[in-house]
Amino acid sequence: QVQVVESGGGLVQPGGSLRLSCTTSANIFSFNVMGWYRQAPGRERELVTTITRGGSTNYADSVKGRFTISRDADTNTVNLQMDSLKPEDTAVYYCNAKAALANYWGLGTQVTVSS
């Protein structure tokens, strides 16, 4: 079973920045797609951003220009740099790793944007 672990959440003021990291027990380049999703209280889980094995990225309209997904082969991590954070970005953020026949999720990390 592949393990997926997120880190880096916390409390930040509006306009601030946070960097989330996701590591897996398998090589991140073994997955077809890796991505970040989020779920706010009372809402469904939604896509934030994805990156394919080949490096193509996709962002939700709500985070375009503020969030950046990247990969670090040396540390086997997928990172999410979040800038210009807004209160509506408050949610539990989940890392997802999609293989050909399986889909793996982490337990999530809380991000709270509040003054």
N, C-alpha and C. Protein backbone atom coordinates (compact mmCIF):
# COMPACT_ATOMS: atom_id res chain seq x y z
N GLN A 1 0.85 -1.19 0.00
CA GLN A 1 0.00 0.00 0.00
C GLN A 1 0.89 1.24 0.00
N VAL A 2 0.61 2.15 -0.90
CA VAL A 2 1.37 3.40 -0.98
C VAL A 2 0.90 4.35 0.11
N GLN A 3 1.85 4.94 0.80
CA GLN A 3 1.54 5.95 1.80
C GLN A 3 1.73 7.34 1.21
N VAL A 4 0.80 8.22 1.52
CA VAL A 4 0.86 9.61 1.09
C VAL A 4 0.75 10.48 2.32
N VAL A 5 1.69 11.40 2.51
CA VAL A 5 1.73 12.21 3.71
C VAL A 5 1.89 13.69 3.34
N GLU A 6 0.96 14.50 3.86
CA GLU A 6 1.04 15.94 3.67
C GLU A 6 1.64 16.62 4.90
N SER A 7 2.24 17.78 4.68
CA SER A 7 2.75 18.59 5.78
C SER A 7 2.74 20.05 5.37
N GLY A 8 2.85 20.93 6.37
CA GLY A 8 3.02 22.35 6.08
C GLY A 8 1.81 23.23 6.32
N GLY A 9 0.70 22.65 6.74
CA GLY A 9 -0.47 23.48 7.00
C GLY A 9 -0.29 24.33 8.25
N GLY A 10 -1.27 25.20 8.46
CA GLY A 10 -1.22 26.05 9.64
C GLY A 10 -2.15 27.23 9.52
N LEU A 11 -1.94 28.18 10.42
CA LEU A 11 -2.75 29.41 10.46
C LEU A 11 -1.95 30.55 9.85
N VAL A 12 -2.57 31.28 8.95
CA VAL A 12 -1.89 32.40 8.30
C VAL A 12 -2.89 33.53 8.11
N GLN A 13 -2.39 34.76 8.14
CA GLN A 13 -3.25 35.92 7.94
C GLN A 13 -3.58 36.09 6.45
N PRO A 14 -4.70 36.73 6.15
CA PRO A 14 -5.01 37.03 4.74
C PRO A 14 -3.87 37.78 4.09
N GLY A 15 -3.56 37.38 2.86
CA GLY A 15 -2.45 37.97 2.13
C GLY A 15 -1.13 37.26 2.36
N GLY A 16 -1.10 36.34 3.30
CA GLY A 16 0.13 35.62 3.62
C GLY A 16 0.37 34.43 2.71
N SER A 17 1.41 33.67 3.04
CA SER A 17 1.83 32.53 2.23
C SER A 17 2.03 31.29 3.09
N LEU A 18 1.84 30.15 2.47
CA LEU A 18 2.14 28.87 3.08
C LEU A 18 2.66 27.95 1.99
N ARG A 19 3.48 26.98 2.41
CA ARG A 19 3.98 25.98 1.47
C ARG A 19 3.64 24.61 2.01
N LEU A 20 2.87 23.86 1.24
CA LEU A 20 2.53 22.50 1.61
C LEU A 20 3.45 21.53 0.87
N SER A 21 3.74 20.42 1.52
CA SER A 21 4.54 19.38 0.89
C SER A 21 3.83 18.05 0.98
N CYS A 22 4.06 17.23 -0.02
CA CYS A 22 3.48 15.88 -0.06
C CYS A 22 4.58 14.91 -0.44
N THR A 23 4.74 13.88 0.36
CA THR A 23 5.68 12.84 0.02
C THR A 23 4.97 11.50 0.00
N THR A 24 5.48 10.57 -0.79
CA THR A 24 4.87 9.26 -0.88
C THR A 24 5.92 8.18 -0.66
N SER A 25 5.46 6.98 -0.38
CA SER A 25 6.37 5.87 -0.16
C SER A 25 6.86 5.28 -1.48
N ALA A 26 6.30 5.73 -2.58
CA ALA A 26 6.77 5.35 -3.91
C ALA A 26 7.36 6.58 -4.59
N ASN A 27 8.10 6.37 -5.63
CA ASN A 27 8.67 7.48 -6.38
C ASN A 27 7.54 8.31 -6.99
N ILE A 28 7.60 9.61 -6.76
CA ILE A 28 6.50 10.46 -7.25
C ILE A 28 6.35 10.40 -8.77
N PHE A 29 7.42 10.07 -9.47
CA PHE A 29 7.37 10.00 -10.93
C PHE A 29 6.78 8.67 -11.41
N SER A 30 6.44 7.79 -10.48
CA SER A 30 5.79 6.54 -10.86
C SER A 30 4.28 6.73 -11.05
N PHE A 31 3.76 7.87 -10.63
CA PHE A 31 2.34 8.15 -10.75
C PHE A 31 2.03 8.91 -12.04
N ASN A 32 0.85 8.66 -12.58
CA ASN A 32 0.46 9.36 -13.80
C ASN A 32 0.20 10.85 -13.52
N VAL A 33 -0.45 11.09 -12.40
CA VAL A 33 -0.81 12.45 -12.01
C VAL A 33 -0.70 12.57 -10.50
N MET A 34 -0.21 13.69 -10.04
CA MET A 34 -0.29 14.01 -8.62
C MET A 34 -0.96 15.36 -8.48
N GLY A 35 -1.64 15.54 -7.36
CA GLY A 35 -2.35 16.79 -7.23
C GLY A 35 -2.74 17.12 -5.81
N TRP A 36 -3.29 18.30 -5.67
CA TRP A 36 -3.80 18.78 -4.40
C TRP A 36 -5.30 19.07 -4.55
N TYR A 37 -6.04 18.64 -3.55
CA TYR A 37 -7.47 18.90 -3.46
C TYR A 37 -7.72 19.55 -2.10
N ARG A 38 -8.88 20.15 -1.95
CA ARG A 38 -9.22 20.72 -0.65
C ARG A 38 -10.69 20.55 -0.36
N GLN A 39 -11.00 20.54 0.93
CA GLN A 39 -12.38 20.41 1.37
C GLN A 39 -12.63 21.35 2.53
N ALA A 40 -13.53 22.30 2.31
CA ALA A 40 -13.92 23.23 3.35
C ALA A 40 -15.13 22.66 4.09
N PRO A 41 -15.37 23.10 5.32
CA PRO A 41 -16.51 22.59 6.08
C PRO A 41 -17.82 22.76 5.32
N GLY A 42 -18.60 21.68 5.24
CA GLY A 42 -19.90 21.74 4.58
C GLY A 42 -19.85 21.74 3.07
N ARG A 43 -18.66 21.55 2.52
CA ARG A 43 -18.52 21.58 1.06
C ARG A 43 -17.89 20.29 0.56
N GLU A 44 -18.04 20.03 -0.72
CA GLU A 44 -17.43 18.84 -1.29
C GLU A 44 -15.94 19.08 -1.55
N ARG A 45 -15.21 17.98 -1.63
CA ARG A 45 -13.80 18.08 -1.97
C ARG A 45 -13.66 18.61 -3.40
N GLU A 46 -12.73 19.54 -3.59
CA GLU A 46 -12.56 20.13 -4.91
C GLU A 46 -11.09 20.11 -5.33
N LEU A 47 -10.92 20.11 -6.64
CA LEU A 47 -9.58 20.13 -7.21
C LEU A 47 -8.94 21.50 -6.99
N VAL A 48 -7.68 21.49 -6.58
CA VAL A 48 -6.90 22.73 -6.50
C VAL A 48 -5.94 22.78 -7.68
N THR A 49 -5.11 21.76 -7.82
CA THR A 49 -4.12 21.74 -8.88
C THR A 49 -3.60 20.32 -9.09
N THR A 50 -3.16 20.04 -10.31
CA THR A 50 -2.54 18.76 -10.61
C THR A 50 -1.29 18.96 -11.45
N ILE A 51 -0.43 17.94 -11.42
CA ILE A 51 0.74 17.92 -12.27
C ILE A 51 0.90 16.50 -12.80
N THR A 52 1.09 16.38 -14.13
CA THR A 52 1.24 15.06 -14.72
C THR A 52 2.69 14.60 -14.64
N ARG A 53 2.92 13.33 -14.95
CA ARG A 53 4.27 12.81 -14.95
C ARG A 53 5.16 13.64 -15.87
N GLY A 54 4.59 14.08 -16.97
CA GLY A 54 5.36 14.86 -17.93
C GLY A 54 5.54 16.32 -17.54
N GLY A 55 4.89 16.75 -16.47
CA GLY A 55 5.09 18.10 -15.97
C GLY A 55 4.00 19.09 -16.33
N SER A 56 2.96 18.66 -17.02
CA SER A 56 1.86 19.57 -17.33
C SER A 56 1.05 19.86 -16.07
N THR A 57 0.68 21.12 -15.91
CA THR A 57 -0.05 21.53 -14.72
C THR A 57 -1.45 22.03 -15.06
N ASN A 58 -2.31 21.97 -14.07
CA ASN A 58 -3.69 22.43 -14.21
C ASN A 58 -4.08 23.06 -12.88
N TYR A 59 -4.77 24.20 -12.93
CA TYR A 59 -5.17 24.90 -11.70
C TYR A 59 -6.66 25.23 -11.74
N ALA A 60 -7.28 25.19 -10.58
CA ALA A 60 -8.63 25.70 -10.45
C ALA A 60 -8.61 27.21 -10.69
N ASP A 61 -9.66 27.74 -11.28
CA ASP A 61 -9.69 29.17 -11.57
C ASP A 61 -9.50 30.01 -10.30
N SER A 62 -10.00 29.50 -9.19
CA SER A 62 -9.96 30.26 -7.94
C SER A 62 -8.54 30.44 -7.39
N VAL A 63 -7.59 29.64 -7.87
CA VAL A 63 -6.22 29.74 -7.33
C VAL A 63 -5.20 30.14 -8.38
N LYS A 64 -5.62 30.29 -9.62
CA LYS A 64 -4.67 30.64 -10.68
C LYS A 64 -3.98 31.96 -10.37
N GLY A 65 -2.68 31.97 -10.56
CA GLY A 65 -1.90 33.17 -10.30
C GLY A 65 -1.49 33.33 -8.85
N ARG A 66 -2.04 32.50 -7.95
CA ARG A 66 -1.68 32.59 -6.53
C ARG A 66 -0.99 31.33 -6.02
N PHE A 67 -1.38 30.18 -6.56
CA PHE A 67 -0.81 28.90 -6.12
C PHE A 67 0.09 28.34 -7.21
N THR A 68 1.14 27.64 -6.79
CA THR A 68 2.05 27.00 -7.74
C THR A 68 2.40 25.60 -7.26
N ILE A 69 2.21 24.62 -8.13
CA ILE A 69 2.59 23.24 -7.81
C ILE A 69 3.96 22.97 -8.42
N SER A 70 4.77 22.21 -7.69
CA SER A 70 6.10 21.87 -8.19
C SER A 70 6.51 20.52 -7.64
N ARG A 71 7.58 19.97 -8.22
CA ARG A 71 8.10 18.68 -7.77
C ARG A 71 9.58 18.81 -7.44
N ASP A 72 10.02 18.03 -6.48
CA ASP A 72 11.42 17.97 -6.11
C ASP A 72 11.83 16.50 -6.13
N ALA A 73 12.58 16.11 -7.15
CA ALA A 73 12.99 14.71 -7.28
C ALA A 73 13.95 14.30 -6.17
N ASP A 74 14.78 15.22 -5.71
CA ASP A 74 15.78 14.88 -4.68
C ASP A 74 15.10 14.48 -3.36
N THR A 75 14.01 15.15 -3.04
CA THR A 75 13.32 14.86 -1.78
C THR A 75 12.05 14.04 -1.99
N ASN A 76 11.76 13.72 -3.25
CA ASN A 76 10.56 12.95 -3.59
C ASN A 76 9.29 13.61 -3.05
N THR A 77 9.17 14.91 -3.29
CA THR A 77 8.01 15.64 -2.79
C THR A 77 7.33 16.40 -3.92
N VAL A 78 6.05 16.62 -3.72
CA VAL A 78 5.27 17.52 -4.55
C VAL A 78 4.85 18.66 -3.63
N ASN A 79 5.16 19.87 -4.04
CA ASN A 79 4.93 21.03 -3.19
C ASN A 79 3.83 21.92 -3.75
N LEU A 80 3.17 22.61 -2.84
CA LEU A 80 2.16 23.59 -3.23
C LEU A 80 2.49 24.91 -2.54
N GLN A 81 2.97 25.85 -3.32
CA GLN A 81 3.24 27.19 -2.80
C GLN A 81 1.97 28.01 -2.93
N MET A 82 1.50 28.52 -1.81
CA MET A 82 0.25 29.27 -1.78
C MET A 82 0.55 30.70 -1.34
N ASP A 83 0.32 31.64 -2.21
CA ASP A 83 0.55 33.06 -1.93
C ASP A 83 -0.77 33.83 -1.99
N SER A 84 -0.74 35.03 -1.45
CA SER A 84 -1.93 35.89 -1.45
C SER A 84 -3.16 35.13 -0.95
N LEU A 85 -2.99 34.46 0.16
CA LEU A 85 -4.06 33.62 0.68
C LEU A 85 -5.27 34.44 1.12
N LYS A 86 -6.43 33.85 0.92
CA LYS A 86 -7.70 34.49 1.25
C LYS A 86 -8.44 33.63 2.28
N PRO A 87 -9.35 34.21 3.04
CA PRO A 87 -10.13 33.40 3.99
C PRO A 87 -10.85 32.23 3.32
N GLU A 88 -11.27 32.41 2.09
CA GLU A 88 -11.97 31.33 1.39
C GLU A 88 -11.06 30.18 0.98
N ASP A 89 -9.76 30.33 1.17
CA ASP A 89 -8.83 29.22 0.96
C ASP A 89 -8.78 28.28 2.17
N THR A 90 -9.43 28.65 3.24
CA THR A 90 -9.45 27.81 4.44
C THR A 90 -10.10 26.46 4.12
N ALA A 91 -9.37 25.39 4.43
CA ALA A 91 -9.85 24.05 4.11
C ALA A 91 -8.82 23.03 4.60
N VAL A 92 -9.21 21.77 4.55
CA VAL A 92 -8.24 20.70 4.68
C VAL A 92 -7.73 20.39 3.28
N TYR A 93 -6.41 20.39 3.14
CA TYR A 93 -5.80 20.16 1.84
C TYR A 93 -5.27 18.71 1.78
N TYR A 94 -5.64 18.03 0.72
CA TYR A 94 -5.27 16.63 0.54
C TYR A 94 -4.37 16.46 -0.68
N CYS A 95 -3.36 15.62 -0.52
CA CYS A 95 -2.52 15.24 -1.64
C CYS A 95 -3.08 13.96 -2.25
N ASN A 96 -3.03 13.88 -3.56
CA ASN A 96 -3.56 12.73 -4.29
C ASN A 96 -2.51 12.23 -5.27
N ALA A 97 -2.38 10.92 -5.36
CA ALA A 97 -1.46 10.29 -6.31
C ALA A 97 -2.23 9.26 -7.11
N LYS A 98 -2.26 9.45 -8.42
CA LYS A 98 -3.01 8.55 -9.30
C LYS A 98 -2.06 7.67 -10.08
N ALA A 99 -2.22 6.36 -9.87
CA ALA A 99 -1.50 5.39 -10.68
C ALA A 99 -2.49 4.82 -11.72
N ALA A 100 -2.02 3.90 -12.53
CA ALA A 100 -2.87 3.36 -13.60
C ALA A 100 -4.12 2.67 -13.05
N LEU A 101 -3.95 1.94 -11.95
CA LEU A 101 -5.06 1.15 -11.43
C LEU A 101 -5.41 1.49 -9.99
N ALA A 102 -4.87 2.56 -9.46
CA ALA A 102 -5.14 2.90 -8.05
C ALA A 102 -5.04 4.39 -7.85
N ASN A 103 -5.67 4.83 -6.78
CA ASN A 103 -5.76 6.24 -6.44
C ASN A 103 -5.46 6.36 -4.95
N TYR A 104 -4.45 7.13 -4.59
CA TYR A 104 -4.02 7.20 -3.19
C TYR A 104 -4.20 8.61 -2.64
N TRP A 105 -4.65 8.66 -1.37
CA TRP A 105 -4.88 9.93 -0.70
C TRP A 105 -4.13 9.99 0.62
N GLY A 106 -3.71 11.19 0.96
CA GLY A 106 -3.18 11.42 2.29
C GLY A 106 -4.31 11.74 3.25
N LEU A 107 -3.96 11.95 4.51
CA LEU A 107 -4.97 12.25 5.53
C LEU A 107 -5.33 13.72 5.58
N GLY A 108 -4.55 14.55 4.91
CA GLY A 108 -4.86 15.97 4.83
C GLY A 108 -4.13 16.81 5.85
N THR A 109 -4.02 18.10 5.52
CA THR A 109 -3.41 19.08 6.43
C THR A 109 -4.29 20.32 6.42
N GLN A 110 -4.53 20.86 7.62
CA GLN A 110 -5.44 22.00 7.76
C GLN A 110 -4.75 23.31 7.41
N VAL A 111 -5.40 24.09 6.58
CA VAL A 111 -4.95 25.45 6.28
C VAL A 111 -6.07 26.40 6.71
N THR A 112 -5.72 27.34 7.58
CA THR A 112 -6.68 28.31 8.06
C THR A 112 -6.17 29.71 7.76
N VAL A 113 -6.96 30.49 7.04
CA VAL A 113 -6.59 31.86 6.69
C VAL A 113 -7.53 32.79 7.45
N SER A 114 -6.97 33.46 8.42
CA SER A 114 -7.80 34.30 9.29
C SER A 114 -6.95 35.35 9.97
N SER A 115 -7.56 36.50 10.21
CA SER A 115 -6.86 37.55 10.96
C SER A 115 -7.17 37.44 12.45
